[in-house]
Amino acid sequence: MIKEYSQKRFGIIAIEKCFIIKDQLIEALSMQIEYELKGTQQKLIGEILFEMGYMEMAEVNKVLEVM
């Protein structure tokens, strides 16, 4: 099972595992872009999704394990 996910990005895996929905990923990606445009510290998408309350830390860790 790990092999099927190995080439996928964090957000896609999180959607496939039903941890988030597409709209939540799009919102988090928009925030990630805003952070970069403002020149603030870059954040990983999993960190943003956790901070937004869309994912639990255990879910973030499960996605990272698969990656």
Protein backbone atom coordinates (compact mmCIF):
# COMPACT_ATOMS: atom_id res chain seq x y z
CA MET A 1 0.00 0.00 0.00
CA ILE A 2 2.82 2.45 0.72
CA LYS A 3 4.11 2.08 -2.83
CA GLU A 4 0.85 3.37 -4.35
CA TYR A 5 1.21 6.66 -2.46
CA SER A 6 4.96 7.16 -2.74
CA GLN A 7 4.78 9.64 -5.63
CA LYS A 8 1.82 11.63 -4.31
CA ARG A 9 1.85 14.94 -2.48
CA PHE A 10 0.67 15.43 1.08
CA GLY A 11 -2.68 17.03 0.21
CA ILE A 12 -3.67 14.36 -2.30
CA ILE A 13 -2.94 11.58 0.17
CA ALA A 14 -4.90 13.41 2.89
CA ILE A 15 -7.90 13.66 0.55
CA GLU A 16 -7.65 10.01 -0.50
CA LYS A 17 -7.57 8.97 3.16
CA CYS A 18 -10.70 11.15 3.77
CA PHE A 19 -8.91 13.33 6.32
CA ILE A 20 -9.80 16.50 4.39
CA ILE A 21 -11.85 17.56 1.39
CA LYS A 22 -10.65 19.32 -1.73
CA ASP A 23 -11.93 22.75 -0.64
CA GLN A 24 -9.97 22.53 2.60
CA LEU A 25 -6.78 21.71 0.70
CA ILE A 26 -7.34 24.64 -1.67
CA GLU A 27 -7.88 26.97 1.29
CA ALA A 28 -4.69 25.75 2.97
CA LEU A 29 -2.70 26.08 -0.25
CA SER A 30 -3.95 29.65 -0.62
CA MET A 31 -2.76 30.40 2.89
CA GLN A 32 0.61 28.83 2.12
CA ILE A 33 0.96 31.15 -0.89
CA GLU A 34 -0.01 34.16 1.23
CA TYR A 35 2.69 33.31 3.78
CA GLU A 36 5.26 33.17 1.00
CA LEU A 37 4.11 36.43 -0.62
CA LYS A 38 4.28 38.23 2.72
CA GLY A 39 7.79 36.91 3.24
CA THR A 40 6.87 35.25 6.50
CA GLN A 41 8.21 31.90 7.58
CA GLN A 42 7.14 29.17 5.20
CA LYS A 43 4.84 26.52 6.58
CA LEU A 44 4.27 23.00 5.36
CA ILE A 45 0.79 22.17 4.15
CA GLY A 46 0.25 19.62 6.92
CA GLU A 47 1.13 22.23 9.52
CA ILE A 48 -1.35 24.68 8.00
CA LEU A 49 -4.12 22.07 7.84
CA PHE A 50 -3.50 21.23 11.49
CA GLU A 51 -3.52 24.88 12.56
CA MET A 52 -6.76 25.44 10.67
CA GLY A 53 -8.34 22.55 12.58
CA TYR A 54 -8.92 20.47 9.46
CA MET A 55 -6.57 17.67 10.50
CA GLU A 56 -5.52 16.10 13.78
CA MET A 57 -1.80 15.62 14.42
CA ALA A 58 -2.28 11.84 14.26
CA GLU A 59 -3.73 12.23 10.74
CA VAL A 60 -0.83 14.46 9.67
CA ASN A 61 1.59 11.84 10.96
CA LYS A 62 -0.25 9.03 9.14
CA VAL A 63 0.07 10.92 5.85
CA LEU A 64 3.76 11.57 6.51
CA GLU A 65 4.33 7.86 7.24
CA VAL A 66 2.84 6.98 3.86
CA MET A 67 4.96 9.53 2.06
